């Protein structure tokens, strides 16, 4: 059984996948947090203070990415395209470095049910602090809606029986 009320969403506040997870958490009163770059920097400007994020000492995105992986129990990477690149690739490398479990949930890989994939990942690894990562909105504009849809289907109405 997965309970959203026992979950904490960790994310860096960038547009796209990060922001979708944080917005989902706020709407559903799920605890959230994470690291963001110094100055609360994102591609659309300064990250809104409503997101409970802590600034890293560096303004570089890479420090935020690594620290969110390090401080979570596991990472889900959402994307529309199967290719992983740029900051998302750094997320994978950080998960490997810190020996943290991670999963890639991709909309274009239709042979796998993304909701079941996420539920099993969280259940199998006992994830409480879930780092959510993926492309920024300028790279994959559709990822925001995809993240919210999968989180809704995985956790609402808050109890899912596997």
N, C-alpha and C. Protein backbone atom coordinates (compact mmCIF):
# COMPACT_ATOMS: atom_id res chain seq x y z
N UNK A 1 0.85 -1.18 0.00
CA UNK A 1 0.00 0.00 0.00
C UNK A 1 0.89 1.24 0.00
N UNK A 2 0.63 2.17 -0.91
CA UNK A 2 1.38 3.40 -0.98
C UNK A 2 0.53 4.55 -0.47
N UNK A 3 1.09 5.32 0.43
CA UNK A 3 0.38 6.47 0.98
C UNK A 3 1.13 7.74 0.63
N UNK A 4 0.47 8.66 -0.06
CA UNK A 4 1.11 9.93 -0.38
C UNK A 4 1.41 10.72 0.89
N UNK A 5 0.62 10.49 1.94
CA UNK A 5 0.81 11.24 3.18
C UNK A 5 2.12 10.88 3.88
N UNK A 6 2.74 9.76 3.54
CA UNK A 6 4.01 9.38 4.15
C UNK A 6 5.19 9.71 3.25
N UNK A 7 4.92 10.31 2.11
CA UNK A 7 5.93 10.61 1.12
C UNK A 7 6.41 12.05 1.27
N UNK A 8 7.67 12.28 0.93
CA UNK A 8 8.19 13.64 0.80
C UNK A 8 8.77 13.76 -0.60
N UNK A 9 8.34 14.77 -1.32
CA UNK A 9 8.85 15.04 -2.66
C UNK A 9 10.07 15.94 -2.54
N UNK A 10 11.17 15.51 -3.14
CA UNK A 10 12.41 16.29 -3.18
C UNK A 10 12.61 16.70 -4.64
N UNK A 11 12.90 17.95 -4.87
CA UNK A 11 13.14 18.40 -6.24
C UNK A 11 13.88 19.73 -6.21
N UNK A 12 14.44 20.11 -7.36
CA UNK A 12 15.29 21.29 -7.42
C UNK A 12 14.63 22.58 -7.85
N UNK A 13 13.35 22.53 -8.25
CA UNK A 13 12.63 23.76 -8.57
C UNK A 13 12.75 24.25 -9.99
N UNK A 14 13.48 23.54 -10.83
CA UNK A 14 13.58 23.96 -12.23
C UNK A 14 12.22 23.81 -12.90
N UNK A 15 11.99 24.52 -13.99
CA UNK A 15 10.75 24.36 -14.75
C UNK A 15 10.67 22.91 -15.26
N UNK A 16 9.51 22.48 -15.64
CA UNK A 16 9.35 21.13 -16.18
C UNK A 16 9.06 20.12 -15.11
N UNK A 17 9.80 19.01 -15.11
CA UNK A 17 9.55 17.89 -14.20
C UNK A 17 9.65 18.30 -12.73
N UNK A 18 10.69 19.04 -12.39
CA UNK A 18 10.89 19.46 -10.99
C UNK A 18 9.69 20.24 -10.47
N UNK A 19 9.32 21.25 -11.22
CA UNK A 19 8.24 22.14 -10.79
C UNK A 19 6.90 21.40 -10.73
N UNK A 20 6.68 20.49 -11.66
CA UNK A 20 5.43 19.71 -11.65
C UNK A 20 5.30 18.91 -10.36
N UNK A 21 6.39 18.28 -9.93
CA UNK A 21 6.36 17.48 -8.70
C UNK A 21 6.10 18.36 -7.48
N UNK A 22 6.74 19.51 -7.44
CA UNK A 22 6.53 20.42 -6.31
C UNK A 22 5.11 20.96 -6.29
N UNK A 23 4.60 21.34 -7.46
CA UNK A 23 3.22 21.83 -7.53
C UNK A 23 2.24 20.74 -7.12
N UNK A 24 2.48 19.51 -7.57
CA UNK A 24 1.63 18.38 -7.20
C UNK A 24 1.64 18.20 -5.67
N UNK A 25 2.81 18.26 -5.08
CA UNK A 25 2.93 18.09 -3.62
C UNK A 25 2.15 19.17 -2.88
N UNK A 26 2.26 20.39 -3.31
CA UNK A 26 1.56 21.49 -2.64
C UNK A 26 0.06 21.30 -2.74
N UNK A 27 -0.45 21.02 -3.92
CA UNK A 27 -1.89 20.84 -4.12
C UNK A 27 -2.44 19.71 -3.26
N UNK A 28 -1.67 18.64 -3.12
CA UNK A 28 -2.14 17.46 -2.39
C UNK A 28 -1.63 17.41 -0.95
N UNK A 29 -1.07 18.52 -0.47
CA UNK A 29 -0.58 18.64 0.89
C UNK A 29 0.40 17.53 1.27
N UNK A 30 1.29 17.25 0.33
CA UNK A 30 2.37 16.28 0.54
C UNK A 30 3.62 17.09 0.86
N UNK A 31 4.35 16.67 1.87
CA UNK A 31 5.57 17.36 2.26
C UNK A 31 6.52 17.44 1.06
N UNK A 32 7.23 18.55 0.96
CA UNK A 32 8.20 18.70 -0.13
C UNK A 32 9.38 19.53 0.34
N UNK A 33 10.45 19.46 -0.42
CA UNK A 33 11.65 20.22 -0.13
C UNK A 33 12.71 19.91 -1.17
N UNK A 34 13.93 20.22 -0.83
CA UNK A 34 15.03 19.95 -1.75
C UNK A 34 15.97 21.14 -1.81
N UNK A 35 16.99 20.96 -2.63
CA UNK A 35 18.00 21.98 -2.84
C UNK A 35 17.75 22.68 -4.16
N UNK A 36 18.02 23.98 -4.19
CA UNK A 36 17.99 24.76 -5.43
C UNK A 36 19.27 25.58 -5.48
N UNK A 37 19.65 26.06 -6.66
CA UNK A 37 20.88 26.86 -6.75
C UNK A 37 20.78 28.16 -5.95
N UNK A 38 21.93 28.64 -5.48
CA UNK A 38 21.98 29.94 -4.79
C UNK A 38 21.32 30.99 -5.68
N UNK A 39 20.52 31.84 -5.05
CA UNK A 39 19.75 32.83 -5.79
C UNK A 39 18.42 32.29 -6.28
N UNK A 40 18.11 31.02 -5.93
CA UNK A 40 16.86 30.35 -6.34
C UNK A 40 16.69 30.44 -7.86
N UNK A 41 17.78 30.16 -8.55
CA UNK A 41 17.86 30.31 -10.01
C UNK A 41 17.16 29.16 -10.74
N UNK A 42 16.35 29.54 -11.74
CA UNK A 42 15.73 28.58 -12.67
C UNK A 42 15.68 29.25 -14.04
N UNK A 43 15.33 28.49 -15.06
CA UNK A 43 15.34 29.07 -16.40
C UNK A 43 14.29 30.16 -16.59
N UNK A 44 13.27 30.20 -15.75
CA UNK A 44 12.24 31.24 -15.88
C UNK A 44 12.43 32.38 -14.87
N UNK A 45 13.58 32.41 -14.21
CA UNK A 45 13.87 33.48 -13.25
C UNK A 45 14.08 32.94 -11.85
N UNK A 46 13.63 33.68 -10.86
CA UNK A 46 13.79 33.30 -9.46
C UNK A 46 12.66 32.34 -9.06
N UNK A 47 13.03 31.23 -8.43
CA UNK A 47 12.05 30.24 -7.98
C UNK A 47 11.21 30.83 -6.86
N UNK A 48 9.92 30.72 -7.00
CA UNK A 48 8.95 31.27 -6.04
C UNK A 48 9.22 30.73 -4.63
N UNK A 49 9.08 31.58 -3.63
CA UNK A 49 9.32 31.22 -2.23
C UNK A 49 8.31 30.22 -1.70
N UNK A 50 7.19 30.00 -2.41
CA UNK A 50 6.21 29.02 -1.92
C UNK A 50 6.77 27.60 -1.94
N UNK A 51 7.82 27.40 -2.74
CA UNK A 51 8.48 26.09 -2.76
C UNK A 51 9.50 26.05 -1.63
N UNK A 52 9.37 25.05 -0.76
CA UNK A 52 10.24 24.95 0.42
C UNK A 52 11.60 24.37 0.03
N UNK A 53 12.39 25.18 -0.63
CA UNK A 53 13.70 24.75 -1.11
C UNK A 53 14.79 25.49 -0.36
N UNK A 54 15.91 24.84 -0.20
CA UNK A 54 17.07 25.43 0.46
C UNK A 54 18.13 25.71 -0.61
N UNK A 55 18.71 26.88 -0.57
CA UNK A 55 19.73 27.24 -1.55
C UNK A 55 21.05 26.55 -1.24
N UNK A 56 21.70 26.06 -2.28
CA UNK A 56 23.05 25.52 -2.14
C UNK A 56 24.04 26.68 -2.08
N UNK A 57 25.27 26.43 -1.62
CA UNK A 57 26.27 27.50 -1.63
C UNK A 57 26.61 27.98 -3.05
N UNK A 58 26.45 27.10 -4.03
CA UNK A 58 26.80 27.42 -5.41
C UNK A 58 25.55 27.79 -6.22
N UNK A 59 25.73 28.64 -7.21
CA UNK A 59 24.63 28.96 -8.12
C UNK A 59 24.57 27.99 -9.29
N UNK A 60 25.45 27.00 -9.30
CA UNK A 60 25.48 26.01 -10.37
C UNK A 60 24.39 24.96 -10.16
N UNK A 61 23.73 24.60 -11.24
CA UNK A 61 22.68 23.58 -11.16
C UNK A 61 23.23 22.22 -10.73
N UNK A 62 24.47 21.94 -11.06
CA UNK A 62 25.04 20.62 -10.78
C UNK A 62 25.07 20.31 -9.29
N UNK A 63 25.37 21.29 -8.44
CA UNK A 63 25.40 21.04 -7.00
C UNK A 63 24.01 20.69 -6.49
N UNK A 64 23.00 21.42 -6.94
CA UNK A 64 21.61 21.15 -6.57
C UNK A 64 21.23 19.72 -6.97
N UNK A 65 21.56 19.34 -8.18
CA UNK A 65 21.21 18.02 -8.70
C UNK A 65 21.84 16.93 -7.84
N UNK A 66 23.12 17.06 -7.58
CA UNK A 66 23.84 16.04 -6.80
C UNK A 66 23.31 15.96 -5.37
N UNK A 67 23.07 17.09 -4.74
CA UNK A 67 22.62 17.09 -3.35
C UNK A 67 21.20 16.54 -3.21
N UNK A 68 20.33 16.77 -4.19
CA UNK A 68 18.99 16.21 -4.12
C UNK A 68 19.01 14.68 -4.25
N UNK A 69 19.89 14.17 -5.09
CA UNK A 69 20.06 12.71 -5.19
C UNK A 69 20.62 12.18 -3.87
N UNK A 70 21.66 12.81 -3.39
CA UNK A 70 22.33 12.37 -2.16
C UNK A 70 21.38 12.31 -0.98
N UNK A 71 20.50 13.30 -0.86
CA UNK A 71 19.64 13.44 0.32
C UNK A 71 18.28 12.76 0.19
N UNK A 72 18.08 12.00 -0.87
CA UNK A 72 16.81 11.30 -1.04
C UNK A 72 17.04 9.79 -0.91
N UNK A 73 15.93 9.05 -0.81
CA UNK A 73 16.03 7.58 -0.75
C UNK A 73 16.13 6.98 -2.13
N UNK A 74 15.68 7.70 -3.13
CA UNK A 74 15.70 7.23 -4.51
C UNK A 74 15.18 8.31 -5.43
N UNK A 75 15.44 8.15 -6.71
CA UNK A 75 15.10 9.17 -7.70
C UNK A 75 14.26 8.58 -8.81
N UNK A 76 13.21 9.29 -9.17
CA UNK A 76 12.45 8.99 -10.39
C UNK A 76 12.76 10.09 -11.40
N UNK A 77 13.16 9.66 -12.58
CA UNK A 77 13.42 10.59 -13.68
C UNK A 77 12.27 10.44 -14.66
N UNK A 78 11.53 11.52 -14.86
CA UNK A 78 10.44 11.53 -15.82
C UNK A 78 10.93 12.16 -17.11
N UNK A 79 10.45 11.63 -18.23
CA UNK A 79 10.73 12.27 -19.51
C UNK A 79 9.69 11.85 -20.53
N UNK A 80 9.62 12.61 -21.59
CA UNK A 80 8.77 12.26 -22.72
C UNK A 80 9.57 11.38 -23.66
N UNK A 81 10.76 11.79 -23.96
CA UNK A 81 11.66 11.07 -24.86
C UNK A 81 12.49 10.04 -24.09
N UNK A 82 12.84 8.92 -24.71
CA UNK A 82 13.68 7.93 -24.02
C UNK A 82 15.12 8.38 -23.79
N UNK A 83 15.58 9.39 -24.53
CA UNK A 83 16.95 9.86 -24.37
C UNK A 83 17.10 10.70 -23.11
N UNK A 84 18.20 10.45 -22.40
CA UNK A 84 18.53 11.23 -21.20
C UNK A 84 19.78 12.04 -21.52
N UNK A 85 19.72 13.34 -21.23
CA UNK A 85 20.85 14.20 -21.57
C UNK A 85 20.98 15.33 -20.55
N UNK A 86 22.07 16.06 -20.64
CA UNK A 86 22.36 17.25 -19.84
C UNK A 86 22.20 17.00 -18.34
N UNK A 87 21.40 17.85 -17.65
CA UNK A 87 21.24 17.75 -16.21
C UNK A 87 20.60 16.44 -15.79
N UNK A 88 19.75 15.89 -16.64
CA UNK A 88 19.12 14.61 -16.32
C UNK A 88 20.16 13.50 -16.30
N UNK A 89 21.12 13.56 -17.21
CA UNK A 89 22.21 12.59 -17.21
C UNK A 89 23.05 12.72 -15.95
N UNK A 90 23.26 13.93 -15.48
CA UNK A 90 23.98 14.15 -14.22
C UNK A 90 23.23 13.52 -13.05
N UNK A 91 21.91 13.53 -13.10
CA UNK A 91 21.11 12.89 -12.05
C UNK A 91 21.41 11.40 -12.00
N UNK A 92 21.45 10.75 -13.16
CA UNK A 92 21.78 9.32 -13.23
C UNK A 92 23.19 9.07 -12.68
N UNK A 93 24.14 9.88 -13.11
CA UNK A 93 25.52 9.71 -12.64
C UNK A 93 25.63 9.91 -11.13
N UNK A 94 24.87 10.86 -10.59
CA UNK A 94 24.88 11.09 -9.14
C UNK A 94 24.27 9.91 -8.39
N UNK A 95 23.20 9.36 -8.93
CA UNK A 95 22.58 8.19 -8.30
C UNK A 95 23.56 7.02 -8.26
N UNK A 96 24.29 6.84 -9.32
CA UNK A 96 25.30 5.78 -9.35
C UNK A 96 26.43 6.07 -8.36
N UNK A 97 26.87 7.31 -8.31
CA UNK A 97 27.94 7.71 -7.39
C UNK A 97 27.56 7.44 -5.93
N UNK A 98 26.32 7.80 -5.56
CA UNK A 98 25.87 7.65 -4.18
C UNK A 98 25.18 6.31 -3.93
N UNK A 99 25.19 5.45 -4.93
CA UNK A 99 24.57 4.12 -4.84
C UNK A 99 23.11 4.22 -4.38
N UNK A 100 22.39 5.13 -5.02
CA UNK A 100 20.98 5.35 -4.72
C UNK A 100 20.16 4.76 -5.87
N UNK A 101 19.03 4.13 -5.55
CA UNK A 101 18.20 3.59 -6.62
C UNK A 101 17.57 4.71 -7.44
N UNK A 102 17.39 4.43 -8.72
CA UNK A 102 16.71 5.38 -9.59
C UNK A 102 15.95 4.62 -10.66
N UNK A 103 14.98 5.30 -11.22
CA UNK A 103 14.15 4.72 -12.27
C UNK A 103 13.85 5.80 -13.29
N UNK A 104 13.74 5.38 -14.54
CA UNK A 104 13.39 6.31 -15.62
C UNK A 104 11.98 5.98 -16.09
N UNK A 105 11.06 6.90 -15.91
CA UNK A 105 9.67 6.74 -16.35
C UNK A 105 9.50 7.60 -17.59
N UNK A 106 9.32 6.94 -18.73
CA UNK A 106 9.29 7.61 -20.02
C UNK A 106 7.95 7.43 -20.71
N UNK A 107 7.37 8.51 -21.15
CA UNK A 107 6.05 8.46 -21.79
C UNK A 107 6.08 7.68 -23.11
N UNK A 108 7.17 7.77 -23.83
CA UNK A 108 7.24 7.11 -25.14
C UNK A 108 7.49 5.61 -25.07
N UNK A 109 7.83 5.09 -23.91
CA UNK A 109 8.02 3.65 -23.77
C UNK A 109 6.69 3.03 -23.34
N UNK A 110 5.85 2.74 -24.30
CA UNK A 110 4.47 2.33 -24.02
C UNK A 110 4.33 0.87 -23.62
N UNK A 111 5.41 0.09 -23.70
CA UNK A 111 5.32 -1.32 -23.30
C UNK A 111 5.38 -1.49 -21.78
N UNK A 112 5.64 -0.42 -21.06
CA UNK A 112 5.72 -0.46 -19.60
C UNK A 112 4.67 0.50 -19.04
N UNK A 113 3.89 0.04 -18.06
CA UNK A 113 2.91 0.91 -17.41
C UNK A 113 3.65 1.84 -16.45
N UNK A 114 3.68 3.14 -16.73
CA UNK A 114 4.48 4.05 -15.89
C UNK A 114 3.98 4.17 -14.46
N UNK A 115 2.67 4.01 -14.25
CA UNK A 115 2.14 4.10 -12.88
C UNK A 115 2.60 2.90 -12.06
N UNK A 116 2.45 1.71 -12.61
CA UNK A 116 2.91 0.50 -11.91
C UNK A 116 4.41 0.52 -11.70
N UNK A 117 5.13 1.02 -12.70
CA UNK A 117 6.59 1.11 -12.62
C UNK A 117 6.99 1.97 -11.42
N UNK A 118 6.35 3.12 -11.27
CA UNK A 118 6.67 4.03 -10.15
C UNK A 118 6.24 3.42 -8.82
N UNK A 119 5.06 2.85 -8.77
CA UNK A 119 4.58 2.25 -7.51
C UNK A 119 5.50 1.12 -7.05
N UNK A 120 5.91 0.27 -7.96
CA UNK A 120 6.80 -0.84 -7.59
C UNK A 120 8.16 -0.33 -7.14
N UNK A 121 8.68 0.68 -7.80
CA UNK A 121 9.96 1.26 -7.41
C UNK A 121 9.90 1.78 -5.98
N UNK A 122 8.88 2.56 -5.67
CA UNK A 122 8.73 3.13 -4.33
C UNK A 122 8.56 2.03 -3.28
N UNK A 123 7.74 1.04 -3.61
CA UNK A 123 7.48 -0.05 -2.68
C UNK A 123 8.71 -0.94 -2.48
N UNK A 124 9.35 -1.32 -3.56
CA UNK A 124 10.49 -2.24 -3.49
C UNK A 124 11.69 -1.65 -2.75
N UNK A 125 11.88 -0.34 -2.87
CA UNK A 125 13.03 0.30 -2.25
C UNK A 125 12.68 1.05 -0.97
N UNK A 126 11.42 0.99 -0.54
CA UNK A 126 11.00 1.66 0.69
C UNK A 126 11.24 3.16 0.64
N UNK A 127 10.94 3.76 -0.49
CA UNK A 127 11.20 5.18 -0.69
C UNK A 127 10.24 6.02 0.14
N UNK A 128 10.78 6.91 0.94
CA UNK A 128 10.00 7.90 1.67
C UNK A 128 10.31 9.29 1.11
N UNK A 129 11.60 9.58 0.92
CA UNK A 129 12.04 10.85 0.34
C UNK A 129 12.34 10.60 -1.14
N UNK A 130 11.39 10.99 -2.00
CA UNK A 130 11.48 10.70 -3.43
C UNK A 130 11.97 11.92 -4.19
N UNK A 131 13.15 11.81 -4.77
CA UNK A 131 13.68 12.87 -5.62
C UNK A 131 13.03 12.74 -7.00
N UNK A 132 12.44 13.82 -7.47
CA UNK A 132 11.82 13.84 -8.80
C UNK A 132 12.65 14.74 -9.69
N UNK A 133 13.06 14.19 -10.83
CA UNK A 133 13.92 14.92 -11.75
C UNK A 133 13.45 14.69 -13.18
N UNK A 134 14.05 15.42 -14.08
CA UNK A 134 13.73 15.28 -15.49
C UNK A 134 14.04 16.56 -16.23
N UNK A 135 13.68 16.60 -17.50
CA UNK A 135 14.02 17.76 -18.32
C UNK A 135 13.30 19.03 -17.91
N UNK A 136 13.90 20.14 -18.20
CA UNK A 136 13.27 21.44 -17.98
C UNK A 136 12.23 21.68 -19.08
N UNK A 137 11.35 22.62 -18.84
CA UNK A 137 10.24 22.89 -19.76
C UNK A 137 10.70 23.28 -21.16
N UNK A 138 11.80 24.00 -21.27
CA UNK A 138 12.26 24.42 -22.60
C UNK A 138 12.72 23.24 -23.45
N UNK A 139 13.13 22.15 -22.81
CA UNK A 139 13.54 20.95 -23.55
C UNK A 139 12.40 20.00 -23.83
N UNK A 140 11.46 19.88 -22.90
CA UNK A 140 10.30 19.00 -23.06
C UNK A 140 9.08 19.67 -22.43
N UNK A 141 8.38 20.51 -23.17
CA UNK A 141 7.24 21.24 -22.60
C UNK A 141 6.14 20.33 -22.04
N UNK A 142 6.00 19.12 -22.57
CA UNK A 142 4.93 18.22 -22.14
C UNK A 142 5.24 17.49 -20.83
N UNK A 143 6.48 17.56 -20.35
CA UNK A 143 6.86 16.76 -19.18
C UNK A 143 6.12 17.21 -17.92
N UNK A 144 5.80 18.48 -17.81
CA UNK A 144 5.10 18.98 -16.62
C UNK A 144 3.78 18.23 -16.42
N UNK A 145 2.97 18.17 -17.45
CA UNK A 145 1.67 17.50 -17.36
C UNK A 145 1.84 15.99 -17.14
N UNK A 146 2.84 15.40 -17.79
CA UNK A 146 3.10 13.96 -17.64
C UNK A 146 3.42 13.62 -16.18
N UNK A 147 4.27 14.39 -15.54
CA UNK A 147 4.63 14.15 -14.14
C UNK A 147 3.40 14.21 -13.25
N UNK A 148 2.61 15.26 -13.39
CA UNK A 148 1.42 15.41 -12.55
C UNK A 148 0.43 14.27 -12.78
N UNK A 149 0.26 13.86 -14.01
CA UNK A 149 -0.66 12.77 -14.32
C UNK A 149 -0.21 11.45 -13.67
N UNK A 150 1.07 11.15 -13.77
CA UNK A 150 1.57 9.89 -13.19
C UNK A 150 1.50 9.94 -11.67
N UNK A 151 1.85 11.05 -11.06
CA UNK A 151 1.76 11.15 -9.60
C UNK A 151 0.31 11.04 -9.14
N UNK A 152 -0.61 11.67 -9.86
CA UNK A 152 -2.04 11.54 -9.53
C UNK A 152 -2.47 10.08 -9.58
N UNK A 153 -2.14 9.42 -10.66
CA UNK A 153 -2.59 8.03 -10.84
C UNK A 153 -1.90 7.07 -9.87
N UNK A 154 -0.69 7.41 -9.45
CA UNK A 154 0.04 6.53 -8.53
C UNK A 154 -0.42 6.68 -7.08
N UNK A 155 -0.90 7.87 -6.72
CA UNK A 155 -1.18 8.13 -5.31
C UNK A 155 -2.61 8.51 -4.97
N UNK A 156 -3.41 8.92 -5.92
CA UNK A 156 -4.76 9.34 -5.58
C UNK A 156 -5.73 8.20 -5.80
N UNK A 157 -6.64 7.97 -4.91
CA UNK A 157 -7.01 8.81 -3.78
C UNK A 157 -6.18 8.57 -2.52
N UNK A 158 -4.89 8.62 -2.64
CA UNK A 158 -3.89 8.51 -1.58
C UNK A 158 -3.56 7.07 -1.19
N UNK A 159 -4.43 6.14 -1.43
CA UNK A 159 -4.12 4.76 -1.11
C UNK A 159 -4.20 3.91 -2.36
N UNK A 160 -3.13 3.24 -2.68
CA UNK A 160 -3.08 2.35 -3.84
C UNK A 160 -2.68 0.98 -3.32
N UNK A 161 -3.42 -0.01 -3.70
CA UNK A 161 -3.09 -1.38 -3.30
C UNK A 161 -2.35 -2.04 -4.45
N UNK A 162 -1.19 -2.59 -4.16
CA UNK A 162 -0.39 -3.27 -5.18
C UNK A 162 -0.77 -4.73 -5.28
